[in-house]
Amino acid sequence: MTDRPAEWAYVTRPADLGGFLRRRRTQRGLTQAELADDLGITRRYLVEIEQGKPSLYTDRLFALLRELDVVLKVEAP
């Protein structure tokens, strides 16, 4: 067994987070339909998350992070 370094990224906008999640999903061999079904959401909603489609929630969340000078880092072991 080889130790694989953790994959990580700084997230400054919804598209950064969506891209990271998309890469992680594909690395795990999951289709959008499979993951959406596992989560109990529609495939279309998952597509919007992966594309970083703006929403009121994400707009406010990332505005809050910027206002407070907070850096969000995501990591997949």
PDB file of N, CA and C in Angstrom:
ATOM      1  N   MET A   1       0.849  -1.179   0.000  1.00  0.00           N
ATOM      2  CA  MET A   1       0.000   0.000   0.000  1.00  0.00           C
ATOM      3  C   MET A   1       0.893   1.241   0.000  1.00  0.00           C
ATOM      4  N   THR A   2       0.621   2.153  -0.921  1.00  0.00           N
ATOM      5  CA  THR A   2       1.395   3.388  -0.989  1.00  0.00           C
ATOM      6  C   THR A   2       0.608   4.510  -0.344  1.00  0.00           C
ATOM      7  N   ASP A   3       1.335   5.360   0.327  1.00  0.00           N
ATOM      8  CA  ASP A   3       0.695   6.531   0.913  1.00  0.00           C
ATOM      9  C   ASP A   3       0.562   7.586  -0.163  1.00  0.00           C
ATOM     10  N   ARG A   4      -0.651   7.958  -0.438  1.00  0.00           N
ATOM     11  CA  ARG A   4      -0.935   8.983  -1.426  1.00  0.00           C
ATOM     12  C   ARG A   4      -1.110  10.308  -0.702  1.00  0.00           C
ATOM     13  N   PRO A   5      -0.453  11.359  -1.168  1.00  0.00           N
ATOM     14  CA  PRO A   5      -0.634  12.645  -0.491  1.00  0.00           C
ATOM     15  C   PRO A   5      -2.081  13.116  -0.606  1.00  0.00           C
ATOM     16  N   ALA A   6      -2.520  13.796   0.411  1.00  0.00           N
ATOM     17  CA  ALA A   6      -3.877  14.324   0.400  1.00  0.00           C
ATOM     18  C   ALA A   6      -4.016  15.360  -0.705  1.00  0.00           C
ATOM     19  N   GLU A   7      -5.160  15.363  -1.326  1.00  0.00           N
ATOM     20  CA  GLU A   7      -5.474  16.396  -2.324  1.00  0.00           C
ATOM     21  C   GLU A   7      -6.167  17.531  -1.580  1.00  0.00           C
ATOM     22  N   TRP A   8      -5.763  18.755  -1.852  1.00  0.00           N
ATOM     23  CA  TRP A   8      -6.402  19.876  -1.192  1.00  0.00           C
ATOM     24  C   TRP A   8      -6.449  21.073  -2.134  1.00  0.00           C
ATOM     25  N   ALA A   9      -7.276  22.040  -1.758  1.00  0.00           N
ATOM     26  CA  ALA A   9      -7.394  23.262  -2.543  1.00  0.00           C
ATOM     27  C   ALA A   9      -7.934  24.376  -1.660  1.00  0.00           C
ATOM     28  N   TYR A  10      -7.515  25.595  -1.963  1.00  0.00           N
ATOM     29  CA  TYR A  10      -8.133  26.757  -1.342  1.00  0.00           C
ATOM     30  C   TYR A  10      -9.363  27.098  -2.166  1.00  0.00           C
ATOM     31  N   VAL A  11     -10.425  27.437  -1.492  1.00  0.00           N
ATOM     32  CA  VAL A  11     -11.701  27.714  -2.147  1.00  0.00           C
ATOM     33  C   VAL A  11     -12.058  29.170  -1.907  1.00  0.00           C
ATOM     34  N   THR A  12     -12.138  29.926  -2.995  1.00  0.00           N
ATOM     35  CA  THR A  12     -12.489  31.340  -2.865  1.00  0.00           C
ATOM     36  C   THR A  12     -13.804  31.688  -3.558  1.00  0.00           C
ATOM     37  N   ARG A  13     -14.370  30.707  -4.258  1.00  0.00           N
ATOM     38  CA  ARG A  13     -15.645  30.946  -4.947  1.00  0.00           C
ATOM     39  C   ARG A  13     -16.345  29.603  -5.144  1.00  0.00           C
ATOM     40  N   PRO A  14     -17.635  29.626  -5.402  1.00  0.00           N
ATOM     41  CA  PRO A  14     -18.385  28.378  -5.554  1.00  0.00           C
ATOM     42  C   PRO A  14     -17.826  27.451  -6.638  1.00  0.00           C
ATOM     43  N   ALA A  15     -17.311  28.009  -7.726  1.00  0.00           N
ATOM     44  CA  ALA A  15     -16.775  27.174  -8.807  1.00  0.00           C
ATOM     45  C   ALA A  15     -15.549  26.389  -8.352  1.00  0.00           C
ATOM     46  N   ASP A  16     -14.747  26.959  -7.452  1.00  0.00           N
ATOM     47  CA  ASP A  16     -13.593  26.239  -6.911  1.00  0.00           C
ATOM     48  C   ASP A  16     -14.058  25.014  -6.133  1.00  0.00           C
ATOM     49  N   LEU A  17     -15.050  25.212  -5.295  1.00  0.00           N
ATOM     50  CA  LEU A  17     -15.572  24.109  -4.496  1.00  0.00           C
ATOM     51  C   LEU A  17     -16.224  23.053  -5.380  1.00  0.00           C
ATOM     52  N   GLY A  18     -17.007  23.495  -6.353  1.00  0.00           N
ATOM     53  CA  GLY A  18     -17.663  22.565  -7.260  1.00  0.00           C
ATOM     54  C   GLY A  18     -16.670  21.722  -8.037  1.00  0.00           C
ATOM     55  N   GLY A  19     -15.612  22.348  -8.525  1.00  0.00           N
ATOM     56  CA  GLY A  19     -14.595  21.612  -9.265  1.00  0.00           C
ATOM     57  C   GLY A  19     -13.897  20.584  -8.403  1.00  0.00           C
ATOM     58  N   PHE A  20     -13.603  20.951  -7.158  1.00  0.00           N
ATOM     59  CA  PHE A  20     -12.955  20.020  -6.231  1.00  0.00           C
ATOM     60  C   PHE A  20     -13.865  18.823  -5.975  1.00  0.00           C
ATOM     61  N   LEU A  21     -15.137  19.098  -5.720  1.00  0.00           N
ATOM     62  CA  LEU A  21     -16.083  18.015  -5.453  1.00  0.00           C
ATOM     63  C   LEU A  21     -16.269  17.115  -6.680  1.00  0.00           C
ATOM     64  N   ARG A  22     -16.298  17.705  -7.869  1.00  0.00           N
ATOM     65  CA  ARG A  22     -16.420  16.926  -9.104  1.00  0.00           C
ATOM     66  C   ARG A  22     -15.223  15.994  -9.272  1.00  0.00           C
ATOM     67  N   ARG A  23     -14.011  16.526  -9.057  1.00  0.00           N
ATOM     68  CA  ARG A  23     -12.810  15.684  -9.159  1.00  0.00           C
ATOM     69  C   ARG A  23     -12.853  14.541  -8.150  1.00  0.00           C
ATOM     70  N   ARG A  24     -13.275  14.838  -6.942  1.00  0.00           N
ATOM     71  CA  ARG A  24     -13.347  13.811  -5.906  1.00  0.00           C
ATOM     72  C   ARG A  24     -14.369  12.739  -6.279  1.00  0.00           C
ATOM     73  N   ARG A  25     -15.521  13.160  -6.813  1.00  0.00           N
ATOM     74  CA  ARG A  25     -16.546  12.202  -7.230  1.00  0.00           C
ATOM     75  C   ARG A  25     -16.013  11.270  -8.306  1.00  0.00           C
ATOM     76  N   THR A  26     -15.342  11.836  -9.304  1.00  0.00           N
ATOM     77  CA  THR A  26     -14.838  11.000 -10.396  1.00  0.00           C
ATOM     78  C   THR A  26     -13.705  10.094  -9.927  1.00  0.00           C
ATOM     79  N   GLN A  27     -12.878  10.580  -8.997  1.00  0.00           N
ATOM     80  CA  GLN A  27     -11.825   9.729  -8.442  1.00  0.00           C
ATOM     81  C   GLN A  27     -12.406   8.520  -7.721  1.00  0.00           C
ATOM     82  N   ARG A  28     -13.556   8.687  -7.130  1.00  0.00           N
ATOM     83  CA  ARG A  28     -14.212   7.596  -6.417  1.00  0.00           C
ATOM     84  C   ARG A  28     -15.042   6.723  -7.345  1.00  0.00           C
ATOM     85  N   GLY A  29     -15.052   7.070  -8.641  1.00  0.00           N
ATOM     86  CA  GLY A  29     -15.747   6.253  -9.629  1.00  0.00           C
ATOM     87  C   GLY A  29     -17.253   6.363  -9.585  1.00  0.00           C
ATOM     88  N   LEU A  30     -17.761   7.480  -9.096  1.00  0.00           N
ATOM     89  CA  LEU A  30     -19.207   7.678  -9.003  1.00  0.00           C
ATOM     90  C   LEU A  30     -19.708   8.542 -10.153  1.00  0.00           C
ATOM     91  N   THR A  31     -20.859   8.198 -10.670  1.00  0.00           N
ATOM     92  CA  THR A  31     -21.506   9.063 -11.647  1.00  0.00           C
ATOM     93  C   THR A  31     -22.306  10.117 -10.892  1.00  0.00           C
ATOM     94  N   GLN A  32     -22.697  11.149 -11.607  1.00  0.00           N
ATOM     95  CA  GLN A  32     -23.540  12.167 -10.979  1.00  0.00           C
ATOM     96  C   GLN A  32     -24.857  11.554 -10.528  1.00  0.00           C
ATOM     97  N   ALA A  33     -25.412  10.685 -11.342  1.00  0.00           N
ATOM     98  CA  ALA A  33     -26.695  10.058 -10.997  1.00  0.00           C
ATOM     99  C   ALA A  33     -26.563   9.216  -9.727  1.00  0.00           C
ATOM    100  N   GLU A  34     -25.486   8.456  -9.619  1.00  0.00           N
ATOM    101  CA  GLU A  34     -25.288   7.618  -8.427  1.00  0.00           C
ATOM    102  C   GLU A  34     -25.154   8.464  -7.170  1.00  0.00           C
ATOM    103  N   LEU A  35     -24.315   9.501  -7.234  1.00  0.00           N
ATOM    104  CA  LEU A  35     -24.095  10.331  -6.062  1.00  0.00           C
ATOM    105  C   LEU A  35     -25.366  11.089  -5.686  1.00  0.00           C
ATOM    106  N   ALA A  36     -26.048  11.624  -6.678  1.00  0.00           N
ATOM    107  CA  ALA A  36     -27.298  12.344  -6.411  1.00  0.00           C
ATOM    108  C   ALA A  36     -28.303  11.420  -5.731  1.00  0.00           C
ATOM    109  N   ASP A  37     -28.400  10.197  -6.215  1.00  0.00           N
ATOM    110  CA  ASP A  37     -29.317   9.226  -5.624  1.00  0.00           C
ATOM    111  C   ASP A  37     -28.916   8.930  -4.177  1.00  0.00           C
ATOM    112  N   ASP A  38     -27.627   8.740  -3.932  1.00  0.00           N
ATOM    113  CA  ASP A  38     -27.132   8.476  -2.573  1.00  0.00           C
ATOM    114  C   ASP A  38     -27.470   9.628  -1.623  1.00  0.00           C
ATOM    115  N   LEU A  39     -27.424  10.860  -2.151  1.00  0.00           N
ATOM    116  CA  LEU A  39     -27.673  12.043  -1.333  1.00  0.00           C
ATOM    117  C   LEU A  39     -29.150  12.421  -1.236  1.00  0.00           C
ATOM    118  N   GLY A  40     -29.971  11.819  -2.090  1.00  0.00           N
ATOM    119  CA  GLY A  40     -31.388  12.157  -2.103  1.00  0.00           C
ATOM    120  C   GLY A  40     -31.675  13.500  -2.747  1.00  0.00           C
ATOM    121  N   ILE A  41     -30.833  13.870  -3.729  1.00  0.00           N
ATOM    122  CA  ILE A  41     -31.037  15.114  -4.477  1.00  0.00           C
ATOM    123  C   ILE A  41     -31.151  14.775  -5.953  1.00  0.00           C
ATOM    124  N   THR A  42     -31.550  15.744  -6.752  1.00  0.00           N
ATOM    125  CA  THR A  42     -31.636  15.496  -8.189  1.00  0.00           C
ATOM    126  C   THR A  42     -30.242  15.605  -8.811  1.00  0.00           C
ATOM    127  N   ARG A  43     -30.091  14.925  -9.925  1.00  0.00           N
ATOM    128  CA  ARG A  43     -28.828  15.024 -10.661  1.00  0.00           C
ATOM    129  C   ARG A  43     -28.596  16.466 -11.097  1.00  0.00           C
ATOM    130  N   ARG A  44     -29.660  17.145 -11.506  1.00  0.00           N
ATOM    131  CA  ARG A  44     -29.546  18.540 -11.946  1.00  0.00           C
ATOM    132  C   ARG A  44     -28.976  19.429 -10.836  1.00  0.00           C
ATOM    133  N   TYR A  45     -29.424  19.209  -9.606  1.00  0.00           N
ATOM    134  CA  TYR A  45     -28.916  19.999  -8.482  1.00  0.00           C
ATOM    135  C   TYR A  45     -27.431  19.722  -8.267  1.00  0.00           C
ATOM    136  N   LEU A  46     -27.028  18.464  -8.374  1.00  0.00           N
ATOM    137  CA  LEU A  46     -25.616  18.120  -8.240  1.00  0.00           C
ATOM    138  C   LEU A  46     -24.795  18.778  -9.345  1.00  0.00           C
ATOM    139  N   VAL A  47     -25.303  18.793 -10.557  1.00  0.00           N
ATOM    140  CA  VAL A  47     -24.621  19.465 -11.662  1.00  0.00           C
ATOM    141  C   VAL A  47     -24.406  20.943 -11.318  1.00  0.00           C
ATOM    142  N   GLU A  48     -25.418  21.589 -10.780  1.00  0.00           N
ATOM    143  CA  GLU A  48     -25.307  23.007 -10.421  1.00  0.00           C
ATOM    144  C   GLU A  48     -24.253  23.226  -9.335  1.00  0.00           C
ATOM    145  N   ILE A  49     -24.188  22.315  -8.366  1.00  0.00           N
ATOM    146  CA  ILE A  49     -23.166  22.420  -7.320  1.00  0.00           C
ATOM    147  C   ILE A  49     -21.784  22.284  -7.944  1.00  0.00           C
ATOM    148  N   GLU A  50     -21.604  21.261  -8.779  1.00  0.00           N
ATOM    149  CA  GLU A  50     -20.295  21.020  -9.397  1.00  0.00           C
ATOM    150  C   GLU A  50     -19.878  22.151 -10.332  1.00  0.00           C
ATOM    151  N   GLN A  51     -20.835  22.822 -10.933  1.00  0.00           N
ATOM    152  CA  GLN A  51     -20.519  23.938 -11.827  1.00  0.00           C
ATOM    153  C   GLN A  51     -20.316  25.252 -11.064  1.00  0.00           C
ATOM    154  N   GLY A  52     -20.598  25.227  -9.758  1.00  0.00           N
ATOM    155  CA  GLY A  52     -20.450  26.439  -8.963  1.00  0.00           C
ATOM    156  C   GLY A  52     -21.493  27.481  -9.275  1.00  0.00           C
ATOM    157  N   LYS A  53     -22.678  27.016  -9.646  1.00  0.00           N
ATOM    158  CA  LYS A  53     -23.754  27.950  -9.982  1.00  0.00           C
ATOM    159  C   LYS A  53     -24.070  28.826  -8.775  1.00  0.00           C
ATOM    160  N   PRO A  54     -24.084  30.129  -8.964  1.00  0.00           N
ATOM    161  CA  PRO A  54     -24.379  31.029  -7.846  1.00  0.00           C
ATOM    162  C   PRO A  54     -25.776  30.786  -7.283  1.00  0.00           C
ATOM    163  N   SER A  55     -25.879  30.921  -5.986  1.00  0.00           N
ATOM    164  CA  SER A  55     -27.175  30.876  -5.310  1.00  0.00           C
ATOM    165  C   SER A  55     -27.121  31.888  -4.180  1.00  0.00           C
ATOM    166  N   LEU A  56     -28.252  32.204  -3.637  1.00  0.00           N
ATOM    167  CA  LEU A  56     -28.282  33.158  -2.536  1.00  0.00           C
ATOM    168  C   LEU A  56     -27.395  32.668  -1.391  1.00  0.00           C
ATOM    169  N   TYR A  57     -27.468  31.378  -1.080  1.00  0.00           N
ATOM    170  CA  TYR A  57     -26.664  30.813   0.010  1.00  0.00           C
ATOM    171  C   TYR A  57     -25.171  30.944  -0.276  1.00  0.00           C
ATOM    172  N   THR A  58     -24.732  30.498  -1.447  1.00  0.00           N
ATOM    173  CA  THR A  58     -23.292  30.535  -1.727  1.00  0.00           C
ATOM    174  C   THR A  58     -22.789  31.973  -1.858  1.00  0.00           C
ATOM    175  N   ASP A  59     -23.602  32.839  -2.445  1.00  0.00           N
ATOM    176  CA  ASP A  59     -23.187  34.246  -2.550  1.00  0.00           C
ATOM    177  C   ASP A  59     -22.943  34.843  -1.166  1.00  0.00           C
ATOM    178  N   ARG A  60     -23.850  34.585  -0.249  1.00  0.00           N
ATOM    179  CA  ARG A  60     -23.709  35.133   1.107  1.00  0.00           C
ATOM    180  C   ARG A  60     -22.564  34.462   1.854  1.00  0.00           C
ATOM    181  N   LEU A  61     -22.426  33.147   1.686  1.00  0.00           N
ATOM    182  CA  LEU A  61     -21.352  32.426   2.362  1.00  0.00           C
ATOM    183  C   LEU A  61     -19.983  32.957   1.940  1.00  0.00           C
ATOM    184  N   PHE A  62     -19.748  33.087   0.645  1.00  0.00           N
ATOM    185  CA  PHE A  62     -18.446  33.547   0.180  1.00  0.00           C
ATOM    186  C   PHE A  62     -18.233  35.041   0.455  1.00  0.00           C
ATOM    187  N   ALA A  63     -19.301  35.826   0.485  1.00  0.00           N
ATOM    188  CA  ALA A  63     -19.174  37.238   0.895  1.00  0.00           C
ATOM    189  C   ALA A  63     -18.766  37.311   2.364  1.00  0.00           C
ATOM    190  N   LEU A  64     -19.334  36.455   3.193  1.00  0.00           N
ATOM    191  CA  LEU A  64     -18.984  36.410   4.605  1.00  0.00           C
ATOM    192  C   LEU A  64     -17.525  36.011   4.789  1.00  0.00           C
ATOM    193  N   LEU A  65     -17.084  35.001   4.056  1.00  0.00           N
ATOM    194  CA  LEU A  65     -15.684  34.574   4.142  1.00  0.00           C
ATOM    195  C   LEU A  65     -14.743  35.717   3.760  1.00  0.00           C
ATOM    196  N   ARG A  66     -15.071  36.416   2.660  1.00  0.00           N
ATOM    197  CA  ARG A  66     -14.232  37.543   2.235  1.00  0.00           C
ATOM    198  C   ARG A  66     -14.229  38.655   3.283  1.00  0.00           C
ATOM    199  N   GLU A  67     -15.400  38.996   3.796  1.00  0.00           N
ATOM    200  CA  GLU A  67     -15.524  40.090   4.764  1.00  0.00           C
ATOM    201  C   GLU A  67     -14.717  39.822   6.032  1.00  0.00           C
ATOM    202  N   LEU A  68     -14.656  38.565   6.442  1.00  0.00           N
ATOM    203  CA  LEU A  68     -13.952  38.204   7.675  1.00  0.00           C
ATOM    204  C   LEU A  68     -12.517  37.749   7.419  1.00  0.00           C
ATOM    205  N   ASP A  69     -12.059  37.882   6.175  1.00  0.00           N
ATOM    206  CA  ASP A  69     -10.703  37.444   5.804  1.00  0.00           C
ATOM    207  C   ASP A  69     -10.453  35.982   6.196  1.00  0.00           C
ATOM    208  N   VAL A  70     -11.424  35.142   5.858  1.00  0.00           N
ATOM    209  CA  VAL A  70     -11.323  33.716   6.142  1.00  0.00           C
ATOM    210  C   VAL A  70     -10.990  32.979   4.853  1.00  0.00           C
ATOM    211  N   VAL A  71     -10.018  32.078   4.941  1.00  0.00           N
ATOM    212  CA  VAL A  71      -9.640  31.248   3.808  1.00  0.00           C
ATOM    213  C   VAL A  71     -10.202  29.855   4.047  1.00  0.00           C
ATOM    214  N   LEU A  72     -10.929  29.354   3.091  1.00  0.00           N
ATOM    215  CA  LEU A  72     -11.523  28.015   3.183  1.00  0.00           C
ATOM    216  C   LEU A  72     -10.619  27.039   2.446  1.00  0.00           C
ATOM    217  N   LYS A  73     -10.224  25.972   3.115  1.00  0.00           N
ATOM    218  CA  LYS A  73      -9.391  24.944   2.519  1.00  0.00           C
ATOM    219  C   LYS A  73     -10.148  23.630   2.585  1.00  0.00           C
ATOM    220  N   VAL A  74     -10.249  22.932   1.462  1.00  0.00           N
ATOM    221  CA  VAL A  74     -10.891  21.622   1.437  1.00  0.00           C
ATOM    222  C   VAL A  74      -9.818  20.576   1.207  1.00  0.00           C
ATOM    223  N   GLU A  75     -10.036  19.402   1.777  1.00  0.00           N
ATOM    224  CA  GLU A  75      -9.028  18.354   1.692  1.00  0.00           C
ATOM    225  C   GLU A  75      -9.697  16.997   1.583  1.00  0.00           C
ATOM    226  N   ALA A  76      -9.138  16.174   0.724  1.00  0.00           N
ATOM    227  CA  ALA A  76      -9.577  14.789   0.578  1.00  0.00           C
ATOM    228  C   ALA A  76      -8.397  13.899   0.900  1.00  0.00           C
ATOM    229  N   PRO A  77      -8.491  13.106   1.948  1.00  0.00           N
ATOM    230  CA  PRO A  77      -7.348  12.262   2.350  1.00  0.00           C
ATOM    231  C   PRO A  77      -7.001  11.218   1.305  1.00  0.00           C
TER     232      PRO A  77
END
